[in-house]
Protein backbone atom coordinates (compact mmCIF):
# COMPACT_ATOMS: atom_id res chain seq x y z
CA MET A 1 -38.23 -150.80 -18.77
CA LYS A 2 -39.74 -151.63 -15.33
CA ASP A 3 -43.38 -150.98 -14.17
CA LEU A 4 -43.93 -148.69 -11.16
CA THR A 5 -45.76 -150.19 -8.28
CA ILE A 6 -48.31 -147.82 -6.33
CA GLY A 7 -50.16 -149.68 -3.61
CA PHE A 8 -51.60 -152.74 -5.27
CA PHE A 9 -51.53 -151.27 -8.74
CA LEU A 10 -48.91 -151.70 -11.41
CA ILE A 11 -48.44 -148.52 -13.44
CA HIS A 12 -46.57 -148.47 -16.84
CA PRO A 13 -43.86 -145.84 -17.03
CA MET A 14 -45.83 -144.05 -19.77
CA GLN A 15 -48.91 -143.93 -17.61
CA LYS A 16 -47.02 -142.14 -14.77
CA TYR A 17 -46.89 -138.93 -16.92
CA PHE A 18 -50.63 -139.11 -17.61
CA LEU A 19 -51.39 -139.39 -13.83
CA LEU A 20 -48.93 -136.55 -13.07
CA ALA A 21 -50.83 -134.30 -15.68
CA PHE A 22 -54.16 -135.50 -14.25
CA PHE A 23 -53.38 -134.44 -10.71
CA VAL A 24 -51.90 -131.17 -11.79
CA GLY A 25 -55.13 -130.54 -13.68
CA LEU A 26 -57.12 -131.19 -10.50
CA PHE A 27 -55.02 -128.71 -8.72
CA LEU A 28 -55.36 -126.04 -11.27
CA ILE A 29 -59.09 -126.34 -12.00
CA PRO A 30 -60.11 -124.38 -8.80
CA LEU A 31 -57.68 -121.73 -9.68
CA GLY A 32 -58.87 -121.46 -13.17
CA LEU A 33 -62.51 -121.36 -12.01
CA HIS A 34 -61.74 -118.53 -9.55
CA SER A 35 -60.01 -116.63 -12.22
CA ALA A 36 -62.89 -117.09 -14.67
CA PHE A 37 -65.52 -116.15 -12.17
CA ALA A 38 -63.56 -113.74 -9.82
CA GLU A 39 -65.45 -110.53 -9.18
CA THR A 40 -63.29 -107.43 -8.80
CA TRP A 41 -64.08 -103.81 -8.01
CA TYR A 42 -62.37 -100.42 -7.34
CA PRO A 43 -64.02 -96.96 -6.77
CA GLY A 44 -65.04 -95.58 -10.02
CA GLU A 45 -65.25 -98.94 -11.87
CA GLY A 46 -67.77 -98.64 -14.81
CA LEU A 47 -68.13 -94.97 -14.33
CA LYS A 48 -69.34 -93.36 -17.58
CA VAL A 49 -70.38 -89.99 -18.98
CA GLY A 50 -73.92 -88.90 -17.79
CA ASP A 51 -73.85 -90.75 -14.50
CA TYR A 52 -75.10 -88.85 -11.56
CA TYR A 53 -75.09 -89.45 -7.83
CA ARG A 54 -76.60 -87.81 -4.78
CA TYR A 55 -75.50 -88.63 -1.20
CA ASN A 56 -76.20 -87.61 2.30
CA THR A 57 -72.83 -87.38 4.01
CA CYS A 58 -71.07 -86.38 7.18
CA PHE A 59 -67.37 -86.14 7.97
CA THR A 60 -65.88 -85.47 11.51
CA ASP A 61 -63.48 -82.92 10.07
CA TRP A 62 -66.30 -80.92 8.66
CA HIS A 63 -68.01 -79.29 11.63
CA ASN A 64 -67.96 -82.59 13.63
CA CYS A 65 -70.02 -84.61 11.21
CA THR A 66 -72.75 -82.13 10.52
CA PRO A 67 -74.85 -83.74 7.73
CA ILE A 68 -74.52 -82.35 4.18
CA GLU A 69 -75.75 -83.38 0.80
CA LEU A 70 -73.16 -83.99 -2.01
CA ASP A 71 -74.38 -84.38 -5.59
CA PHE A 72 -72.36 -84.73 -8.77
CA TRP A 73 -72.89 -85.34 -12.44
CA ILE A 74 -70.24 -86.75 -14.96
CA GLN A 75 -70.53 -84.10 -17.63
CA ASN A 76 -67.89 -85.41 -20.12
CA LYS A 77 -64.32 -86.54 -20.55
CA THR A 78 -61.46 -83.95 -20.19
CA SER A 79 -59.93 -82.88 -23.47
CA ASP A 80 -56.86 -85.09 -22.95
CA GLY A 81 -58.95 -88.09 -21.95
CA SER A 82 -57.20 -88.32 -18.49
CA GLY A 83 -60.19 -87.69 -16.46
CA TYR A 84 -63.85 -86.51 -16.22
CA ASN A 85 -65.35 -83.04 -16.04
CA VAL A 86 -67.79 -83.05 -13.21
CA GLN A 87 -70.50 -80.66 -12.04
CA PHE A 88 -70.53 -80.74 -8.25
CA LEU A 89 -73.20 -79.46 -5.81
CA ALA A 90 -72.94 -79.19 -2.03
CA ILE A 91 -76.06 -78.44 0.19
CA ASP A 92 -74.68 -77.33 3.57
CA GLY A 93 -77.74 -76.13 5.48
CA SER A 94 -78.53 -72.71 4.01
CA ASN A 95 -75.27 -72.57 2.23
CA ILE A 96 -75.17 -73.93 -1.36
CA GLN A 97 -72.17 -74.20 -3.41
CA LYS A 98 -71.92 -75.36 -6.97
CA GLY A 99 -68.86 -75.66 -9.19
CA HIS A 100 -66.50 -77.66 -11.48
CA THR A 101 -64.15 -80.45 -10.45
CA VAL A 102 -62.18 -83.04 -12.35
CA PHE A 103 -62.21 -86.76 -11.27
CA GLY A 104 -59.31 -88.91 -12.22
CA THR A 105 -59.58 -92.33 -13.95
CA VAL A 106 -57.15 -94.33 -11.86
CA SER A 107 -59.61 -93.47 -9.06
CA PRO A 108 -62.39 -90.77 -9.09
CA ASP A 109 -60.26 -88.65 -6.81
CA PRO A 110 -60.65 -84.78 -7.53
CA THR A 111 -57.52 -83.60 -9.18
CA TYR A 112 -58.90 -79.98 -9.51
CA SER A 113 -61.79 -78.25 -7.80
CA ASP A 114 -63.17 -74.63 -7.94
CA PRO A 115 -62.21 -72.79 -4.71
CA ASN A 116 -65.85 -72.52 -3.46
CA ILE A 117 -66.39 -76.33 -3.48
CA ALA A 118 -62.80 -77.43 -2.62
CA ASP A 119 -63.76 -78.04 1.07
CA TYR A 120 -66.71 -80.19 0.00
CA THR A 121 -64.79 -82.22 -2.58
CA ASN A 122 -62.33 -82.89 0.28
CA VAL A 123 -65.27 -84.41 2.24
CA TYR A 124 -66.09 -86.49 -0.82
CA ARG A 125 -62.63 -87.70 -1.07
CA ASN A 126 -62.43 -88.82 2.62
CA THR A 127 -65.85 -90.39 2.78
CA ILE A 128 -67.48 -91.79 -0.50
CA ILE A 129 -64.27 -92.96 -2.19
CA TRP A 130 -62.25 -93.73 1.03
CA LEU A 131 -61.67 -97.19 -0.27
CA ASP A 132 -59.49 -95.94 -3.19
CA ALA A 133 -56.70 -96.25 -0.52
CA PHE A 134 -56.98 -99.98 -1.17
CA ALA A 135 -58.36 -100.42 -4.74
CA THR A 136 -57.83 -98.53 -7.94
CA SER A 137 -58.20 -99.24 -11.65
CA GLU A 138 -54.50 -100.20 -11.55
CA SER A 139 -55.04 -102.49 -8.56
CA PRO A 140 -58.70 -103.63 -8.44
CA LYS A 141 -59.57 -106.01 -5.59
CA ASP A 142 -61.25 -109.29 -5.58
CA PHE A 143 -64.33 -109.85 -3.42
CA GLY A 144 -63.16 -113.35 -2.85
CA TYR A 145 -60.08 -112.14 -0.99
CA PRO A 146 -60.71 -111.43 2.70
CA ALA A 147 -57.91 -108.92 3.20
CA TRP A 148 -57.62 -105.82 0.95
CA GLY A 149 -55.22 -103.99 3.27
CA ARG A 150 -55.00 -102.55 6.71
CA THR A 151 -56.11 -99.27 8.17
CA GLY A 152 -53.25 -96.81 8.71
CA SER A 153 -53.69 -96.37 12.43
CA VAL A 154 -51.52 -98.06 15.06
CA GLY A 155 -52.84 -101.66 15.56
CA GLY A 156 -55.10 -100.99 12.54
CA GLY A 157 -57.66 -103.69 11.51
CA THR A 158 -57.72 -105.73 8.33
CA VAL A 159 -59.90 -104.24 5.62
CA GLY A 160 -61.79 -106.64 3.33
CA PRO A 161 -65.00 -108.23 2.19
CA LYS A 162 -66.87 -110.12 5.08
CA ASP A 163 -70.14 -111.20 3.51
CA GLN A 164 -73.04 -110.25 1.26
CA GLU A 165 -76.33 -108.75 2.51
CA GLN A 166 -79.32 -106.89 1.30
CA VAL A 167 -79.10 -103.17 2.07
CA THR A 168 -81.82 -100.60 1.70
CA VAL A 169 -80.99 -96.91 1.31
CA GLN A 170 -83.06 -93.96 -0.04
CA GLY A 171 -81.56 -94.67 -3.47
CA GLY A 172 -82.92 -98.25 -3.59
CA THR A 173 -82.35 -101.80 -2.34
CA TYR A 174 -79.21 -103.61 -3.33
CA LYS A 175 -77.39 -106.89 -2.70
CA ALA A 176 -74.04 -105.66 -1.58
CA TRP A 177 -70.73 -106.83 -0.38
CA VAL A 178 -70.00 -105.62 3.28
CA ILE A 179 -66.41 -104.23 3.38
CA PHE A 180 -65.46 -104.60 6.96
CA PHE A 181 -62.80 -103.85 9.62
CA HIS A 182 -62.83 -103.81 13.33
CA LYS A 183 -61.02 -101.36 15.55
CA GLY A 184 -62.84 -101.01 18.88
CA VAL A 185 -66.13 -101.16 16.88
CA ASP A 186 -67.41 -102.61 13.60
CA ASN A 187 -66.88 -100.40 10.62
CA LYS A 188 -68.81 -101.26 7.43
CA ILE A 189 -69.03 -100.01 3.78
CA TRP A 190 -71.55 -101.59 1.52
CA VAL A 191 -70.33 -102.05 -2.10
CA VAL A 192 -72.48 -103.14 -5.01
CA PRO A 193 -70.13 -104.84 -7.63
CA ASN A 194 -71.72 -103.15 -10.75
CA MET A 195 -71.72 -99.65 -9.28
CA PRO A 196 -68.84 -97.25 -9.24
CA PHE A 197 -69.43 -95.90 -5.76
CA PRO A 198 -70.52 -97.53 -2.43
CA VAL A 199 -74.14 -97.18 -1.48
CA LYS A 200 -73.63 -96.73 2.29
CA GLY A 201 -70.91 -96.48 4.87
CA ILE A 202 -70.36 -95.92 8.56
CA VAL A 203 -66.74 -95.66 9.86
CA TYR A 204 -65.86 -94.69 13.35
CA ALA A 205 -63.00 -92.50 14.45
CA ASP A 206 -59.90 -94.01 16.12
CA VAL A 207 -59.80 -92.50 19.67
CA THR A 208 -58.14 -93.73 22.69
CA GLN A 209 -61.01 -93.06 25.16
CA GLY A 210 -64.67 -92.95 25.30
CA GLN A 211 -67.19 -94.13 22.82
CA PRO A 212 -65.77 -93.68 19.28
CA PRO A 213 -67.89 -91.07 17.40
CA PRO A 214 -68.41 -91.49 13.63
CA GLN A 215 -65.52 -90.55 11.39
CA TYR A 216 -67.86 -90.38 8.49
CA VAL A 217 -71.31 -91.62 7.43
CA PHE A 218 -72.87 -91.62 3.87
CA GLU A 219 -75.94 -92.99 2.18
CA LEU A 220 -76.98 -92.98 -1.44
CA LEU A 221 -80.01 -90.84 -2.12
CA GLU A 222 -80.35 -91.14 -5.88
CA THR A 223 -78.48 -92.35 -9.02
CA GLY A 224 -78.99 -92.44 -12.65
CA ASN A 225 -77.70 -91.31 -16.04
CA SER A 226 -78.61 -88.26 -17.97
CA GLN A 227 -76.97 -86.52 -21.11
CA THR A 228 -78.22 -83.19 -19.87
CA PRO A 229 -77.79 -81.60 -16.52
CA PRO A 230 -80.04 -83.29 -13.96
CA ALA A 231 -82.64 -81.17 -12.20
CA PHE A 232 -80.74 -81.04 -8.91
CA LEU A 233 -78.22 -78.88 -10.57
CA ASN A 234 -80.64 -76.08 -11.10
CA ARG A 235 -79.33 -74.31 -8.14
CA SER A 236 -77.20 -71.10 -7.58
CA SER A 237 -74.32 -70.78 -5.25
CA SER A 238 -74.93 -68.81 -2.09
CA ALA A 239 -72.96 -65.70 -1.57
CA ILE A 240 -69.80 -66.25 0.55
CA ALA A 241 -69.29 -63.76 3.28
CA GLY A 242 -66.58 -61.38 2.26
CA SER A 243 -66.29 -63.08 -1.20
CA GLY A 244 -66.62 -59.71 -2.87
CA ILE A 245 -63.49 -58.29 -1.38
CA CYS A 246 -61.60 -61.31 -0.02
CA PRO A 247 -59.26 -63.45 -2.15
CA THR A 248 -60.75 -66.81 -3.06
CA ASP A 249 -57.73 -68.38 -4.73
CA ASP A 250 -55.13 -67.90 -1.93
CA THR A 251 -54.14 -71.50 -1.04
CA SER A 252 -51.05 -70.39 1.13
CA ALA A 253 -51.09 -71.90 4.56
CA VAL A 254 -49.24 -72.06 7.94
CA HIS A 255 -48.86 -75.52 9.62
CA ASP A 256 -47.31 -76.25 12.98
CA SER A 257 -47.48 -78.49 16.10
CA ILE A 258 -47.10 -77.08 19.62
CA ASN A 259 -46.96 -78.64 23.04
CA THR A 260 -49.47 -77.01 25.44
CA ASP A 261 -48.03 -74.97 28.36
CA THR A 262 -48.92 -77.80 30.67
CA SER A 263 -47.42 -80.56 28.31
CA SER A 264 -50.85 -82.25 28.44
CA MET A 265 -50.95 -82.73 24.70
CA ILE A 266 -49.81 -81.56 21.28
CA ILE A 267 -52.05 -79.19 19.26
CA GLU A 268 -51.37 -79.37 15.55
CA TYR A 269 -52.89 -76.64 13.57
CA ARG A 270 -53.17 -75.41 9.95
CA TYR A 271 -54.79 -72.19 8.77
CA THR A 272 -55.23 -70.70 5.33
CA PRO A 273 -54.56 -68.12 3.85
CA ALA A 274 -51.11 -67.54 5.57
CA VAL A 275 -51.61 -63.80 5.64
CA PRO A 276 -55.38 -62.94 5.83
CA HIS A 277 -56.89 -59.53 5.55
CA GLN A 278 -58.91 -57.87 8.28
CA GLY A 279 -62.64 -58.66 7.76
CA CYS A 280 -61.80 -61.88 5.82
CA PRO A 281 -62.23 -65.65 6.69
CA VAL A 282 -59.52 -67.91 7.89
CA GLN A 283 -59.95 -71.63 7.67
CA TRP A 284 -58.52 -73.53 10.60
CA SER A 285 -57.86 -77.28 10.94
CA LEU A 286 -57.15 -78.46 14.57
CA TYR A 287 -55.73 -81.81 15.79
CA PHE A 288 -55.60 -82.69 19.46
CA GLU A 289 -52.78 -85.35 19.86
CA HIS A 290 -51.03 -87.27 22.56
CA TYR A 291 -47.66 -85.81 23.25
CA TYR A 292 -45.99 -89.26 23.21
CA ASP A 293 -47.69 -90.23 19.96
CA PRO A 294 -48.61 -87.27 17.73
CA GLY A 295 -50.45 -89.54 15.30
CA GLN A 296 -52.84 -90.67 17.99
CA LYS A 297 -55.71 -88.21 18.60
CA ILE A 298 -57.51 -87.49 21.83
CA GLY A 299 -61.30 -87.76 21.78
CA ASN A 300 -63.96 -85.70 23.47
CA ILE A 301 -61.93 -82.46 23.66
CA GLN A 302 -63.69 -79.35 25.00
CA TYR A 303 -61.94 -76.16 24.05
CA ASP A 304 -62.16 -72.51 23.09
CA ILE A 305 -60.38 -70.07 20.77
CA TYR A 306 -59.71 -66.75 22.27
CA THR A 307 -58.31 -63.47 20.76
CA VAL A 308 -56.16 -61.32 23.06
CA ASP A 309 -54.51 -58.01 22.80
CA ASP A 310 -50.74 -57.24 22.81
CA GLN A 311 -50.69 -57.42 26.64
CA GLY A 312 -52.54 -60.91 26.50
CA LYS A 313 -55.95 -59.48 27.66
CA LYS A 314 -58.90 -61.44 26.30
CA ILE A 315 -60.93 -59.52 23.79
CA GLY A 316 -62.93 -62.16 21.96
CA SER A 317 -64.01 -65.80 22.11
CA VAL A 318 -65.42 -68.08 19.36
CA THR A 319 -67.63 -69.84 21.84
CA GLU A 320 -69.12 -66.67 23.06
CA ASP A 321 -69.77 -65.62 19.49
CA LEU A 322 -71.64 -68.94 19.02
CA GLY A 323 -73.42 -68.77 22.24
CA LYS A 324 -71.85 -71.99 23.64
CA SER A 325 -69.88 -72.97 26.75
CA THR A 326 -67.17 -74.73 24.81
CA LEU A 327 -66.20 -75.97 21.35
CA PHE A 328 -66.22 -79.87 21.03
CA ALA A 329 -63.90 -82.14 19.09
CA PRO A 330 -65.39 -85.69 19.61
CA ALA A 331 -62.66 -87.34 17.47
CA GLY A 332 -59.81 -85.07 18.45
CA THR A 333 -60.08 -83.03 15.16
CA ASP A 334 -62.03 -79.89 14.43
CA PHE A 335 -62.46 -77.51 11.44
CA ARG A 336 -63.38 -73.83 11.99
CA THR A 337 -63.81 -70.79 9.78
CA ILE A 338 -63.15 -67.55 11.70
CA ILE A 339 -63.38 -63.96 10.42
CA ILE A 340 -60.26 -61.88 11.29
CA ASN A 341 -61.62 -58.88 13.17
CA GLN A 342 -58.55 -57.45 14.76
CA PRO A 343 -56.43 -54.77 12.93
CA PRO A 344 -53.05 -55.39 11.51
CA PRO A 345 -50.26 -56.21 11.95
CA THR A 346 -51.03 -59.24 14.13
CA THR A 347 -53.86 -61.17 15.47
CA HIS A 348 -53.12 -63.04 18.68
CA TYR A 349 -54.95 -66.35 19.19
CA VAL A 350 -55.03 -68.66 22.20
CA ILE A 351 -56.25 -72.23 21.65
CA TYR A 352 -57.35 -73.20 25.26
CA VAL A 353 -58.23 -76.88 26.08
CA ALA A 354 -60.54 -76.87 29.16
CA GLY A 355 -60.40 -80.63 29.40
CA THR A 356 -62.20 -83.72 28.08
CA GLY A 357 -65.67 -85.18 28.52
CA PRO A 358 -68.92 -85.54 26.55
CA GLU A 359 -70.41 -82.38 24.92
CA ASN A 360 -72.38 -80.11 27.30
CA THR A 361 -70.92 -81.57 30.43
CA VAL A 362 -68.25 -80.16 32.79
CA PRO A 363 -64.97 -81.14 31.36
CA ASN A 364 -62.50 -83.15 33.28
CA PRO A 365 -59.48 -80.66 33.54
CA ILE A 366 -56.76 -83.41 33.78
CA LEU A 367 -55.58 -82.56 30.17
CA TYR A 368 -56.11 -78.69 30.23
CA GLY A 369 -53.56 -76.43 28.62
CA LEU A 370 -53.09 -73.83 25.91
CA ILE A 371 -51.04 -72.65 22.99
CA LYS A 372 -50.49 -69.21 21.51
CA VAL A 373 -50.72 -68.56 17.76
CA ASP A 374 -49.90 -65.27 16.19
CA VAL A 375 -51.37 -64.69 12.78
CA LYS A 376 -49.89 -61.95 10.60
CA THR A 377 -52.72 -59.78 9.36
CA GLU A 378 -53.06 -57.34 6.38
CA PRO A 379 -55.28 -54.31 6.18
CA PRO A 380 -58.93 -54.78 4.89
CA LEU A 381 -59.51 -54.76 1.16
CA GLY A 382 -62.88 -53.08 1.32
CA PRO A 383 -65.63 -51.88 3.83
CA LEU A 384 -65.46 -53.76 7.08
CA PRO A 385 -68.58 -55.64 8.46
CA THR A 386 -70.63 -53.77 11.05
CA GLY A 387 -69.09 -54.18 14.47
CA THR A 388 -65.56 -54.77 13.31
CA PRO A 389 -62.98 -52.90 15.37
CA THR A 390 -61.74 -49.86 13.50
CA ASN A 391 -58.93 -48.82 15.90
CA ILE A 392 -56.41 -48.85 13.11
CA VAL A 393 -53.73 -46.23 13.70
CA PRO A 394 -52.75 -44.61 10.33
CA GLU A 395 -49.08 -44.63 9.80
CA PHE A 396 -48.04 -41.18 8.29
CA PRO A 397 -44.59 -40.66 6.91
CA VAL A 398 -42.38 -38.17 8.70
CA SER A 399 -42.49 -35.85 5.64
CA ALA A 400 -46.24 -35.66 5.93
CA ILE A 401 -46.20 -34.78 9.63
CA MET A 402 -43.62 -31.99 8.99
CA ILE A 403 -45.74 -30.42 6.27
CA MET A 404 -48.90 -30.59 8.54
CA ALA A 405 -46.84 -28.95 11.39
CA LEU A 406 -45.62 -26.26 8.97
CA VAL A 407 -49.17 -25.48 7.78
CA VAL A 408 -50.55 -25.14 11.31
CA SER A 409 -47.61 -22.81 12.25
CA MET A 410 -48.32 -20.66 9.27
CA VAL A 411 -52.02 -20.50 10.15
CA ILE A 412 -51.24 -19.35 13.69
CA LEU A 413 -48.64 -16.85 12.52
CA PHE A 414 -51.01 -15.48 9.91
CA THR A 415 -53.77 -15.05 12.46
CA ARG A 416 -51.53 -13.16 14.84
CA PHE A 417 -50.24 -10.80 12.11
CA LYS A 418 -53.81 -10.24 10.99
CA THR A 419 -54.73 -9.09 14.43
CA ASN A 420 -51.74 -6.54 14.50
CA PHE A 421 -52.64 -5.21 11.19
CA SER A 422 -56.07 -4.52 12.28
CA ASN A 423 -54.89 -2.39 15.05
CA LEU A 424 -52.77 -0.19 12.80
CA LYS A 425 -54.07 3.42 12.06
CA PHE A 426 -53.33 5.22 9.01
């Protein structure tokens, strides 16, 4: 058996296996150390019964990032163990809504929400736990990996950990990983490894022109654990306009996309319920998109929503009701709740884009245009609010009209005969 020669050294054939194992070990040690000390995370990691969180939040699809407070307490596990029963509170200016929602365990995404808080749990879904699009309990992500995924927009940036830094929010000071991506501007979400939810985030809207406005912003106000309801839950829900007479569980909707009459853009809309009652609210979601790329939104839209009669004459305006010159969609999306005031059978809406430009400025009319949307309307379910049009023409059946005509004829005939009888002399 011959010895192997490596450089100036003679190696016995039995030794070559030892050297091979040695070098393989050197190669595997870093991988083993990485595996042993790897730090992974996903939204909801370590969440347990009794945990509570309070956040200041804004979301561009909720009244153009008007700040609201979202608070929640993990009450207990669901009966089948597949999720958590959660008490959820939203403080939206003077409007306070409290209700029950259910968080999943793969990610703390609401799988059910009471109707009065559904809009607010949707804000929570699109802000505080936005990172569950990249990391879940079934696919946790390692802070040592620079790329967790990519944003969904065209030319989207790589999303992943950039570095660690000290971050101070109202809820405390933490050493956090900065989850980062760049799309025109820097977007950051601060994640603390041993906490189920991020402590801070600021992500900007993807727009094709102008300074990108915030898509969402949030900051942790308070966190803790309590086996009894925390003090912040000692609130009652505000009355919802029309809630006494308007359905609150109608989730039907109408969704469509229409080119403006000038082909300046596509306006995508969704409203719910599909057939509202006069005097009841309708929730609108609007998206102003490039006609050549419907997924790409146009920023800094100034617009209005008119109501018109059957002849197309303007009879109302959302901006006038609000005392504004135009409505504003900085990120090319907007959300509006509008009370149906017009009587059945149809309310005619015109969504009119005046142009683009910063809020409270004269819009550039280059992208002006409009679409028309007819909303089928049902009669009111109760007393109408003061000032609601009441020009509802009752529909009488033909038989009722004939009976009324017969009664009138008999009254006239009887009156005439009575007069003749009074002139008779006996």
